[in-house]
Protein backbone atom coordinates (compact mmCIF):
# COMPACT_ATOMS: atom_id res chain seq x y z
CA MET A 1 16.88 -11.39 -4.04
CA ARG A 2 15.82 -7.47 -2.81
CA VAL A 3 13.10 -7.26 -1.11
CA TYR A 4 11.34 -5.61 -3.92
CA GLU A 5 12.00 -8.13 -5.79
CA ARG A 6 10.21 -10.64 -3.95
CA LEU A 7 7.22 -8.43 -3.23
CA ASN A 8 7.04 -7.85 -7.28
CA ASN A 9 7.43 -11.92 -7.78
CA TYR A 10 4.23 -11.95 -4.48
CA ILE A 11 2.07 -9.42 -6.58
CA LYS A 12 2.71 -11.24 -9.56
CA SER A 13 2.17 -14.80 -8.36
CA LYS A 14 -1.59 -13.46 -7.16
CA GLY A 15 -2.37 -11.08 -9.95
CA LEU A 16 -2.51 -8.14 -8.54
CA LYS A 17 -2.25 -5.03 -10.66
CA GLN A 18 -0.50 -2.09 -9.61
CA LYS A 19 -3.62 0.18 -9.61
CA PHE A 20 -5.31 -2.34 -6.90
CA ILE A 21 -2.58 -1.62 -4.81
CA SER A 22 -1.67 1.77 -5.44
CA ASN A 23 -5.96 2.62 -4.76
CA LYS A 24 -5.67 0.47 -1.80
CA THR A 25 -2.52 1.94 -0.34
CA GLY A 26 -2.41 5.88 -1.77
CA ILE A 27 1.08 4.79 -3.00
CA PRO A 28 0.78 6.62 -6.68
CA GLU A 29 0.54 3.93 -9.43
CA ASN A 30 3.88 5.39 -11.03
CA THR A 31 6.29 5.26 -7.72
CA LEU A 32 4.62 1.79 -6.93
CA SER A 33 6.14 0.86 -10.63
CA MET A 34 9.18 2.30 -10.26
CA ILE A 35 9.45 0.70 -6.28
CA LEU A 36 8.47 -2.46 -8.00
CA ASN A 37 11.30 -2.49 -10.75
CA GLY A 38 14.00 -1.21 -8.34
CA LYS A 39 13.82 2.21 -9.86
CA CYS A 40 13.23 3.72 -6.49
CA ASN A 41 13.77 2.77 -3.51
CA LEU A 42 11.22 1.05 -1.14
CA SER A 43 10.46 2.70 2.45
CA ALA A 44 10.18 0.93 4.96
CA ASP A 45 6.61 3.20 5.00
CA ASN A 46 5.58 2.18 1.73
CA LEU A 47 6.27 -1.29 2.54
CA VAL A 48 4.37 -1.29 6.02
CA ASP A 49 1.54 0.00 3.65
CA ILE A 50 1.83 -2.61 1.01
CA ILE A 51 1.73 -5.45 3.62
CA ILE A 52 -1.03 -4.42 5.45
CA ALA A 53 -3.10 -3.28 2.07
CA LEU A 54 -2.67 -6.64 0.98
CA LYS A 55 -2.51 -8.07 4.58
CA ILE A 56 1.18 -10.32 3.43
CA ASP A 57 2.42 -11.97 6.10
CA PRO A 58 5.58 -9.74 6.62
CA ASN A 59 7.69 -12.67 6.97
CA ASP A 60 6.49 -13.93 3.05
CA ILE A 61 8.74 -10.67 2.04
CA ILE A 62 11.27 -10.28 4.60
CA HIS A 63 12.72 -13.60 4.78
CA GLN A 64 15.67 -14.22 2.98
CA ASP A 65 15.93 -18.01 1.78
CA LYS A 66 19.85 -17.81 2.38
CA GLU A 67 22.30 -18.21 5.85
CA PRO A 68 23.97 -15.02 6.77
CA THR A 69 27.30 -15.29 5.35
CA ALA A 70 28.98 -12.86 8.39
CA GLU A 71 27.73 -14.10 12.22
CA ILE A 72 27.19 -10.74 14.39
CA SER A 73 28.99 -10.96 18.39
CA ASP A 74 29.28 -8.34 20.64
CA THR A 75 32.98 -8.41 21.37
CA ASN A 76 32.48 -5.78 24.57
């Protein structure tokens, strides 16, 4: 699941309205709608604005439920 999908699920589960989030963040409501529907990229700045405005633990949105498929190693 992508970050915008987790964010959208969180917002729906809390019963929050996009207009409320738009007012709190300054992100236009139509832009917010496009972000939450995957029609527009979620920038790091917008994500931070939403997390701060809603007082969300970033781990609740960013955390992946699955383990990484590849391990990163330093072979230098």
